[in-house]
Amino acid sequence: MTLLGLLGLMILFILLALRMPVALSMLGVGFVGTAIAN
């Protein structure tokens, strides 16, 4: 779970660096991350 959280944050910051909208980046990472975690 710890590694999953770190990967989620890393992917989120990569998306932000690519100028993806903040809301959509968080939505995507949170949605996919919730599925994987469960």
ModelCIF file with pLDDT and N, C-alpha, C, O atoms, coordinates in Angstrom:
data_MODEL
#
_entry.id   MODEL 
#
_entity.id                         1 
_entity.type                       polymer 
_entity.pdbx_number_of_molecules   1 
#
_entity_poly.entity_id                      1 
_entity_poly.type                           'polypeptide(L)' 
_entity_poly.nstd_linkage                   no 
_entity_poly.nstd_monomer                   no 
_entity_poly.pdbx_seq_one_letter_code       MTLLGLLGLMILFILLALRMPVALSMLGVGFVGTAIAN 
_entity_poly.pdbx_seq_one_letter_code_can   MTLLGLLGLMILFILLALRMPVALSMLGVGFVGTAIAN 
_entity_poly.pdbx_strand_id                 A 
#
loop_
_entity_poly_seq.entity_id 
_entity_poly_seq.num 
_entity_poly_seq.mon_id 
_entity_poly_seq.hetero 
1 1  MET n 
1 2  THR n 
1 3  LEU n 
1 4  LEU n 
1 5  GLY n 
1 6  LEU n 
1 7  LEU n 
1 8  GLY n 
1 9  LEU n 
1 10 MET n 
1 11 ILE n 
1 12 LEU n 
1 13 PHE n 
1 14 ILE n 
1 15 LEU n 
1 16 LEU n 
1 17 ALA n 
1 18 LEU n 
1 19 ARG n 
1 20 MET n 
1 21 PRO n 
1 22 VAL n 
1 23 ALA n 
1 24 LEU n 
1 25 SER n 
1 26 MET n 
1 27 LEU n 
1 28 GLY n 
1 29 VAL n 
1 30 GLY n 
1 31 PHE n 
1 32 VAL n 
1 33 GLY n 
1 34 THR n 
1 35 ALA n 
1 36 ILE n 
1 37 ALA n 
1 38 ASN n 
#
_struct_asym.id          A 
_struct_asym.entity_id   1 
#
loop_
_ma_qa_metric.id 
_ma_qa_metric.mode 
_ma_qa_metric.name 
_ma_qa_metric.software_group_id 
_ma_qa_metric.type 
1 global pLDDT . pLDDT 
2 local  pLDDT . pLDDT 
#
_ma_qa_metric_global.metric_id      1 
_ma_qa_metric_global.metric_value   86.24 
_ma_qa_metric_global.model_id       1 
_ma_qa_metric_global.ordinal_id     1 
#
loop_
_ma_qa_metric_local.label_asym_id 
_ma_qa_metric_local.label_comp_id 
_ma_qa_metric_local.label_seq_id 
_ma_qa_metric_local.metric_id 
_ma_qa_metric_local.metric_value 
_ma_qa_metric_local.model_id 
_ma_qa_metric_local.ordinal_id 
A MET 1  2 83.00 1 1  
A THR 2  2 81.00 1 2  
A LEU 3  2 86.00 1 3  
A LEU 4  2 87.00 1 4  
A GLY 5  2 85.00 1 5  
A LEU 6  2 86.00 1 6  
A LEU 7  2 90.00 1 7  
A GLY 8  2 88.00 1 8  
A LEU 9  2 84.00 1 9  
A MET 10 2 88.00 1 10 
A ILE 11 2 90.00 1 11 
A LEU 12 2 84.00 1 12 
A PHE 13 2 80.00 1 13 
A ILE 14 2 88.00 1 14 
A LEU 15 2 86.00 1 15 
A LEU 16 2 77.00 1 16 
A ALA 17 2 77.00 1 17 
A LEU 18 2 84.00 1 18 
A ARG 19 2 77.00 1 19 
A MET 20 2 84.00 1 20 
A PRO 21 2 81.00 1 21 
A VAL 22 2 77.00 1 22 
A ALA 23 2 82.00 1 23 
A LEU 24 2 87.00 1 24 
A SER 25 2 88.00 1 25 
A MET 26 2 85.00 1 26 
A LEU 27 2 90.00 1 27 
A GLY 28 2 91.00 1 28 
A VAL 29 2 91.00 1 29 
A GLY 30 2 90.00 1 30 
A PHE 31 2 93.00 1 31 
A VAL 32 2 93.00 1 32 
A GLY 33 2 91.00 1 33 
A THR 34 2 91.00 1 34 
A ALA 35 2 92.00 1 35 
A ILE 36 2 91.00 1 36 
A ALA 37 2 90.00 1 37 
A ASN 38 2 89.00 1 38 
#
loop_
_atom_site.group_PDB 
_atom_site.id 
_atom_site.type_symbol 
_atom_site.label_atom_id 
_atom_site.label_alt_id 
_atom_site.label_comp_id 
_atom_site.label_asym_id 
_atom_site.label_entity_id 
_atom_site.label_seq_id 
_atom_site.pdbx_PDB_ins_code 
_atom_site.Cartn_x 
_atom_site.Cartn_y 
_atom_site.Cartn_z 
_atom_site.occupancy 
_atom_site.B_iso_or_equiv 
_atom_site.pdbx_formal_charge 
_atom_site.auth_seq_id 
_atom_site.auth_comp_id 
_atom_site.auth_asym_id 
_atom_site.auth_atom_id 
_atom_site.pdbx_PDB_model_num 
ATOM 1   N N  . MET A 1 1  ? 0.821   -1.206 0.000   1.00 83.00 ? 1  MET A N  1 
ATOM 2   C CA . MET A 1 1  ? 0.000   0.000  0.000   1.00 83.00 ? 1  MET A CA 1 
ATOM 3   C C  . MET A 1 1  ? 0.862   1.268  0.000   1.00 83.00 ? 1  MET A C  1 
ATOM 4   O O  . MET A 1 1  ? 0.527   2.256  -0.653  1.00 83.00 ? 1  MET A O  1 
ATOM 5   N N  . THR A 1 2  ? 1.963   1.226  0.731   1.00 81.00 ? 2  THR A N  1 
ATOM 6   C CA . THR A 1 2  ? 2.850   2.398  0.774   1.00 81.00 ? 2  THR A CA 1 
ATOM 7   C C  . THR A 1 2  ? 3.414   2.695  -0.602  1.00 81.00 ? 2  THR A C  1 
ATOM 8   O O  . THR A 1 2  ? 3.442   3.847  -1.035  1.00 81.00 ? 2  THR A O  1 
ATOM 9   N N  . LEU A 1 3  ? 3.866   1.648  -1.292  1.00 86.00 ? 3  LEU A N  1 
ATOM 10  C CA . LEU A 1 3  ? 4.419   1.824  -2.639  1.00 86.00 ? 3  LEU A CA 1 
ATOM 11  C C  . LEU A 1 3  ? 3.341   2.320  -3.595  1.00 86.00 ? 3  LEU A C  1 
ATOM 12  O O  . LEU A 1 3  ? 3.604   3.151  -4.465  1.00 86.00 ? 3  LEU A O  1 
ATOM 13  N N  . LEU A 1 4  ? 2.120   1.801  -3.426  1.00 87.00 ? 4  LEU A N  1 
ATOM 14  C CA . LEU A 1 4  ? 1.010   2.247  -4.275  1.00 87.00 ? 4  LEU A CA 1 
ATOM 15  C C  . LEU A 1 4  ? 0.741   3.738  -4.075  1.00 87.00 ? 4  LEU A C  1 
ATOM 16  O O  . LEU A 1 4  ? 0.511   4.467  -5.040  1.00 87.00 ? 4  LEU A O  1 
ATOM 17  N N  . GLY A 1 5  ? 0.769   4.186  -2.824  1.00 85.00 ? 5  GLY A N  1 
ATOM 18  C CA . GLY A 1 5  ? 0.568   5.597  -2.544  1.00 85.00 ? 5  GLY A CA 1 
ATOM 19  C C  . GLY A 1 5  ? 1.652   6.468  -3.154  1.00 85.00 ? 5  GLY A C  1 
ATOM 20  O O  . GLY A 1 5  ? 1.359   7.519  -3.725  1.00 85.00 ? 5  GLY A O  1 
ATOM 21  N N  . LEU A 1 6  ? 2.904   6.037  -3.038  1.00 86.00 ? 6  LEU A N  1 
ATOM 22  C CA . LEU A 1 6  ? 4.022   6.787  -3.616  1.00 86.00 ? 6  LEU A CA 1 
ATOM 23  C C  . LEU A 1 6  ? 3.933   6.833  -5.140  1.00 86.00 ? 6  LEU A C  1 
ATOM 24  O O  . LEU A 1 6  ? 4.194   7.866  -5.757  1.00 86.00 ? 6  LEU A O  1 
ATOM 25  N N  . LEU A 1 7  ? 3.558   5.690  -5.743  1.00 90.00 ? 7  LEU A N  1 
ATOM 26  C CA . LEU A 1 7  ? 3.400   5.655  -7.198  1.00 90.00 ? 7  LEU A CA 1 
ATOM 27  C C  . LEU A 1 7  ? 2.270   6.582  -7.644  1.00 90.00 ? 7  LEU A C  1 
ATOM 28  O O  . LEU A 1 7  ? 2.379   7.270  -8.659  1.00 90.00 ? 7  LEU A O  1 
ATOM 29  N N  . GLY A 1 8  ? 1.175   6.589  -6.861  1.00 88.00 ? 8  GLY A N  1 
ATOM 30  C CA . GLY A 1 8  ? 0.067   7.475  -7.186  1.00 88.00 ? 8  GLY A CA 1 
ATOM 31  C C  . GLY A 1 8  ? 0.483   8.934  -7.169  1.00 88.00 ? 8  GLY A C  1 
ATOM 32  O O  . GLY A 1 8  ? 0.133   9.695  -8.071  1.00 88.00 ? 8  GLY A O  1 
ATOM 33  N N  . LEU A 1 9  ? 1.231   9.327  -6.140  1.00 84.00 ? 9  LEU A N  1 
ATOM 34  C CA . LEU A 1 9  ? 1.703   10.713 -6.060  1.00 84.00 ? 9  LEU A CA 1 
ATOM 35  C C  . LEU A 1 9  ? 2.659   11.038 -7.198  1.00 84.00 ? 9  LEU A C  1 
ATOM 36  O O  . LEU A 1 9  ? 2.604   12.125 -7.775  1.00 84.00 ? 9  LEU A O  1 
ATOM 37  N N  . MET A 1 10 ? 3.549   10.076 -7.523  1.00 88.00 ? 10 MET A N  1 
ATOM 38  C CA . MET A 1 10 ? 4.513   10.311 -8.596  1.00 88.00 ? 10 MET A CA 1 
ATOM 39  C C  . MET A 1 10 ? 3.802   10.492 -9.940  1.00 88.00 ? 10 MET A C  1 
ATOM 40  O O  . MET A 1 10 ? 4.132   11.400 -10.703 1.00 88.00 ? 10 MET A O  1 
ATOM 41  N N  . ILE A 1 11 ? 2.820   9.621  -10.227 1.00 90.00 ? 11 ILE A N  1 
ATOM 42  C CA . ILE A 1 11 ? 2.066   9.735  -11.477 1.00 90.00 ? 11 ILE A CA 1 
ATOM 43  C C  . ILE A 1 11 ? 1.299   11.053 -11.511 1.00 90.00 ? 11 ILE A C  1 
ATOM 44  O O  . ILE A 1 11 ? 1.204   11.695 -12.557 1.00 90.00 ? 11 ILE A O  1 
ATOM 45  N N  . LEU A 1 12 ? 0.753   11.454 -10.367 1.00 84.00 ? 12 LEU A N  1 
ATOM 46  C CA . LEU A 1 12 ? 0.011   12.709 -10.300 1.00 84.00 ? 12 LEU A CA 1 
ATOM 47  C C  . LEU A 1 12 ? 0.905   13.888 -10.655 1.00 84.00 ? 12 LEU A C  1 
ATOM 48  O O  . LEU A 1 12 ? 0.504   14.754 -11.433 1.00 84.00 ? 12 LEU A O  1 
ATOM 49  N N  . PHE A 1 13 ? 2.108   13.934 -10.097 1.00 80.00 ? 13 PHE A N  1 
ATOM 50  C CA . PHE A 1 13 ? 3.007   15.048 -10.376 1.00 80.00 ? 13 PHE A CA 1 
ATOM 51  C C  . PHE A 1 13 ? 3.509   15.008 -11.821 1.00 80.00 ? 13 PHE A C  1 
ATOM 52  O O  . PHE A 1 13 ? 3.771   16.057 -12.411 1.00 80.00 ? 13 PHE A O  1 
ATOM 53  N N  . ILE A 1 14 ? 3.645   13.812 -12.394 1.00 88.00 ? 14 ILE A N  1 
ATOM 54  C CA . ILE A 1 14 ? 4.030   13.704 -13.803 1.00 88.00 ? 14 ILE A CA 1 
ATOM 55  C C  . ILE A 1 14 ? 2.926   14.292 -14.693 1.00 88.00 ? 14 ILE A C  1 
ATOM 56  O O  . ILE A 1 14 ? 3.202   15.026 -15.642 1.00 88.00 ? 14 ILE A O  1 
ATOM 57  N N  . LEU A 1 15 ? 1.673   13.954 -14.367 1.00 86.00 ? 15 LEU A N  1 
ATOM 58  C CA . LEU A 1 15 ? 0.548   14.495 -15.128 1.00 86.00 ? 15 LEU A CA 1 
ATOM 59  C C  . LEU A 1 15 ? 0.485   16.015 -15.020 1.00 86.00 ? 15 LEU A C  1 
ATOM 60  O O  . LEU A 1 15 ? 0.207   16.705 -16.001 1.00 86.00 ? 15 LEU A O  1 
ATOM 61  N N  . LEU A 1 16 ? 0.746   16.530 -13.816 1.00 77.00 ? 16 LEU A N  1 
ATOM 62  C CA . LEU A 1 16 ? 0.734   17.985 -13.636 1.00 77.00 ? 16 LEU A CA 1 
ATOM 63  C C  . LEU A 1 16 ? 1.871   18.641 -14.416 1.00 77.00 ? 16 LEU A C  1 
ATOM 64  O O  . LEU A 1 16 ? 1.710   19.723 -14.981 1.00 77.00 ? 16 LEU A O  1 
ATOM 65  N N  . ALA A 1 17 ? 3.032   17.962 -14.437 1.00 77.00 ? 17 ALA A N  1 
ATOM 66  C CA . ALA A 1 17 ? 4.164   18.490 -15.202 1.00 77.00 ? 17 ALA A CA 1 
ATOM 67  C C  . ALA A 1 17 ? 3.868   18.507 -16.697 1.00 77.00 ? 17 ALA A C  1 
ATOM 68  O O  . ALA A 1 17 ? 4.407   19.337 -17.430 1.00 77.00 ? 17 ALA A O  1 
ATOM 69  N N  . LEU A 1 18 ? 3.006   17.586 -17.154 1.00 84.00 ? 18 LEU A N  1 
ATOM 70  C CA . LEU A 1 18 ? 2.599   17.535 -18.558 1.00 84.00 ? 18 LEU A CA 1 
ATOM 71  C C  . LEU A 1 18 ? 1.453   18.500 -18.852 1.00 84.00 ? 18 LEU A C  1 
ATOM 72  O O  . LEU A 1 18 ? 0.888   18.487 -19.946 1.00 84.00 ? 18 LEU A O  1 
ATOM 73  N N  . ARG A 1 19 ? 1.112   19.337 -17.869 1.00 77.00 ? 19 ARG A N  1 
ATOM 74  C CA . ARG A 1 19 ? 0.088   20.379 -17.989 1.00 77.00 ? 19 ARG A CA 1 
ATOM 75  C C  . ARG A 1 19 ? -1.324  19.821 -18.087 1.00 77.00 ? 19 ARG A C  1 
ATOM 76  O O  . ARG A 1 19 ? -2.207  20.454 -18.666 1.00 77.00 ? 19 ARG A O  1 
ATOM 77  N N  . MET A 1 20 ? -1.538  18.632 -17.520 1.00 84.00 ? 20 MET A N  1 
ATOM 78  C CA . MET A 1 20 ? -2.896  18.096 -17.428 1.00 84.00 ? 20 MET A CA 1 
ATOM 79  C C  . MET A 1 20 ? -3.671  18.906 -16.385 1.00 84.00 ? 20 MET A C  1 
ATOM 80  O O  . MET A 1 20 ? -3.081  19.342 -15.396 1.00 84.00 ? 20 MET A O  1 
ATOM 81  N N  . PRO A 1 21 ? -4.965  19.117 -16.577 1.00 81.00 ? 21 PRO A N  1 
ATOM 82  C CA . PRO A 1 21 ? -5.751  19.825 -15.562 1.00 81.00 ? 21 PRO A CA 1 
ATOM 83  C C  . PRO A 1 21 ? -5.662  19.140 -14.202 1.00 81.00 ? 21 PRO A C  1 
ATOM 84  O O  . PRO A 1 21 ? -5.700  17.914 -14.106 1.00 81.00 ? 21 PRO A O  1 
ATOM 85  N N  . VAL A 1 22 ? -5.543  19.948 -13.157 1.00 77.00 ? 22 VAL A N  1 
ATOM 86  C CA . VAL A 1 22 ? -5.353  19.403 -11.809 1.00 77.00 ? 22 VAL A CA 1 
ATOM 87  C C  . VAL A 1 22 ? -6.507  18.492 -11.417 1.00 77.00 ? 22 VAL A C  1 
ATOM 88  O O  . VAL A 1 22 ? -6.292  17.386 -10.922 1.00 77.00 ? 22 VAL A O  1 
ATOM 89  N N  . ALA A 1 23 ? -7.735  18.959 -11.639 1.00 82.00 ? 23 ALA A N  1 
ATOM 90  C CA . ALA A 1 23 ? -8.904  18.183 -11.214 1.00 82.00 ? 23 ALA A CA 1 
ATOM 91  C C  . ALA A 1 23 ? -8.948  16.828 -11.913 1.00 82.00 ? 23 ALA A C  1 
ATOM 92  O O  . ALA A 1 23 ? -9.176  15.808 -11.263 1.00 82.00 ? 23 ALA A O  1 
ATOM 93  N N  . LEU A 1 24 ? -8.733  16.802 -13.237 1.00 87.00 ? 24 LEU A N  1 
ATOM 94  C CA . LEU A 1 24 ? -8.794  15.546 -13.975 1.00 87.00 ? 24 LEU A CA 1 
ATOM 95  C C  . LEU A 1 24 ? -7.649  14.619 -13.583 1.00 87.00 ? 24 LEU A C  1 
ATOM 96  O O  . LEU A 1 24 ? -7.820  13.400 -13.542 1.00 87.00 ? 24 LEU A O  1 
ATOM 97  N N  . SER A 1 25 ? -6.484  15.190 -13.295 1.00 88.00 ? 25 SER A N  1 
ATOM 98  C CA . SER A 1 25 ? -5.342  14.370 -12.857 1.00 88.00 ? 25 SER A CA 1 
ATOM 99  C C  . SER A 1 25 ? -5.645  13.688 -11.531 1.00 88.00 ? 25 SER A C  1 
ATOM 100 O O  . SER A 1 25 ? -5.413  12.489 -11.377 1.00 88.00 ? 25 SER A O  1 
ATOM 101 N N  . MET A 1 26 ? -6.165  14.455 -10.571 1.00 85.00 ? 26 MET A N  1 
ATOM 102 C CA . MET A 1 26 ? -6.510  13.892 -9.266  1.00 85.00 ? 26 MET A CA 1 
ATOM 103 C C  . MET A 1 26 ? -7.635  12.871 -9.389  1.00 85.00 ? 26 MET A C  1 
ATOM 104 O O  . MET A 1 26 ? -7.615  11.829 -8.733  1.00 85.00 ? 26 MET A O  1 
ATOM 105 N N  . LEU A 1 27 ? -8.609  13.175 -10.230 1.00 90.00 ? 27 LEU A N  1 
ATOM 106 C CA . LEU A 1 27 ? -9.743  12.273 -10.423 1.00 90.00 ? 27 LEU A CA 1 
ATOM 107 C C  . LEU A 1 27 ? -9.276  10.931 -10.988 1.00 90.00 ? 27 LEU A C  1 
ATOM 108 O O  . LEU A 1 27 ? -9.681  9.870  -10.515 1.00 90.00 ? 27 LEU A O  1 
ATOM 109 N N  . GLY A 1 28 ? -8.419  10.996 -12.005 1.00 91.00 ? 28 GLY A N  1 
ATOM 110 C CA . GLY A 1 28 ? -7.928  9.770  -12.628 1.00 91.00 ? 28 GLY A CA 1 
ATOM 111 C C  . GLY A 1 28 ? -7.085  8.933  -11.692 1.00 91.00 ? 28 GLY A C  1 
ATOM 112 O O  . GLY A 1 28 ? -7.285  7.723  -11.584 1.00 91.00 ? 28 GLY A O  1 
ATOM 113 N N  . VAL A 1 29 ? -6.131  9.577  -11.008 1.00 91.00 ? 29 VAL A N  1 
ATOM 114 C CA . VAL A 1 29 ? -5.255  8.844  -10.089 1.00 91.00 ? 29 VAL A CA 1 
ATOM 115 C C  . VAL A 1 29 ? -6.061  8.276  -8.916  1.00 91.00 ? 29 VAL A C  1 
ATOM 116 O O  . VAL A 1 29 ? -5.848  7.133  -8.511  1.00 91.00 ? 29 VAL A O  1 
ATOM 117 N N  . GLY A 1 30 ? -6.985  9.074  -8.374  1.00 90.00 ? 30 GLY A N  1 
ATOM 118 C CA . GLY A 1 30 ? -7.790  8.604  -7.255  1.00 90.00 ? 30 GLY A CA 1 
ATOM 119 C C  . GLY A 1 30 ? -8.691  7.440  -7.639  1.00 90.00 ? 30 GLY A C  1 
ATOM 120 O O  . GLY A 1 30 ? -8.841  6.489  -6.871  1.00 90.00 ? 30 GLY A O  1 
ATOM 121 N N  . PHE A 1 31 ? -9.296  7.511  -8.834  1.00 93.00 ? 31 PHE A N  1 
ATOM 122 C CA . PHE A 1 31 ? -10.201 6.450  -9.297  1.00 93.00 ? 31 PHE A CA 1 
ATOM 123 C C  . PHE A 1 31 ? -9.449  5.135  -9.527  1.00 93.00 ? 31 PHE A C  1 
ATOM 124 O O  . PHE A 1 31 ? -9.825  4.091  -8.994  1.00 93.00 ? 31 PHE A O  1 
ATOM 125 N N  . VAL A 1 32 ? -8.388  5.203  -10.324 1.00 93.00 ? 32 VAL A N  1 
ATOM 126 C CA . VAL A 1 32 ? -7.620  3.988  -10.622 1.00 93.00 ? 32 VAL A CA 1 
ATOM 127 C C  . VAL A 1 32 ? -6.941  3.464  -9.362  1.00 93.00 ? 32 VAL A C  1 
ATOM 128 O O  . VAL A 1 32 ? -6.910  2.254  -9.135  1.00 93.00 ? 32 VAL A O  1 
ATOM 129 N N  . GLY A 1 33 ? -6.400  4.356  -8.543  1.00 91.00 ? 33 GLY A N  1 
ATOM 130 C CA . GLY A 1 33 ? -5.728  3.939  -7.318  1.00 91.00 ? 33 GLY A CA 1 
ATOM 131 C C  . GLY A 1 33 ? -6.670  3.255  -6.348  1.00 91.00 ? 33 GLY A C  1 
ATOM 132 O O  . GLY A 1 33 ? -6.290  2.288  -5.688  1.00 91.00 ? 33 GLY A O  1 
ATOM 133 N N  . THR A 1 34 ? -7.913  3.754  -6.253  1.00 91.00 ? 34 THR A N  1 
ATOM 134 C CA . THR A 1 34 ? -8.906  3.126  -5.368  1.00 91.00 ? 34 THR A CA 1 
ATOM 135 C C  . THR A 1 34 ? -9.211  1.705  -5.823  1.00 91.00 ? 34 THR A C  1 
ATOM 136 O O  . THR A 1 34 ? -9.331  0.795  -5.003  1.00 91.00 ? 34 THR A O  1 
ATOM 137 N N  . ALA A 1 35 ? -9.335  1.520  -7.137  1.00 92.00 ? 35 ALA A N  1 
ATOM 138 C CA . ALA A 1 35 ? -9.600  0.175  -7.673  1.00 92.00 ? 35 ALA A CA 1 
ATOM 139 C C  . ALA A 1 35 ? -8.448  -0.774 -7.354  1.00 92.00 ? 35 ALA A C  1 
ATOM 140 O O  . ALA A 1 35 ? -8.673  -1.898 -6.906  1.00 92.00 ? 35 ALA A O  1 
ATOM 141 N N  . ILE A 1 36 ? -7.223  -0.326 -7.582  1.00 91.00 ? 36 ILE A N  1 
ATOM 142 C CA . ILE A 1 36 ? -6.058  -1.188 -7.338  1.00 91.00 ? 36 ILE A CA 1 
ATOM 143 C C  . ILE A 1 36 ? -5.918  -1.499 -5.849  1.00 91.00 ? 36 ILE A C  1 
ATOM 144 O O  . ILE A 1 36 ? -5.653  -2.641 -5.474  1.00 91.00 ? 36 ILE A O  1 
ATOM 145 N N  . ALA A 1 37 ? -6.098  -0.480 -4.996  1.00 90.00 ? 37 ALA A N  1 
ATOM 146 C CA . ALA A 1 37 ? -5.940  -0.673 -3.557  1.00 90.00 ? 37 ALA A CA 1 
ATOM 147 C C  . ALA A 1 37 ? -6.960  -1.671 -3.019  1.00 90.00 ? 37 ALA A C  1 
ATOM 148 O O  . ALA A 1 37 ? -6.611  -2.552 -2.233  1.00 90.00 ? 37 ALA A O  1 
ATOM 149 N N  . ASN A 1 38 ? -8.206  -1.540 -3.435  1.00 89.00 ? 38 ASN A N  1 
ATOM 150 C CA . ASN A 1 38 ? -9.243  -2.464 -2.961  1.00 89.00 ? 38 ASN A CA 1 
ATOM 151 C C  . ASN A 1 38 ? -9.032  -3.869 -3.498  1.00 89.00 ? 38 ASN A C  1 
ATOM 152 O O  . ASN A 1 38 ? -9.815  -4.769 -3.196  1.00 89.00 ? 38 ASN A O  1 
#
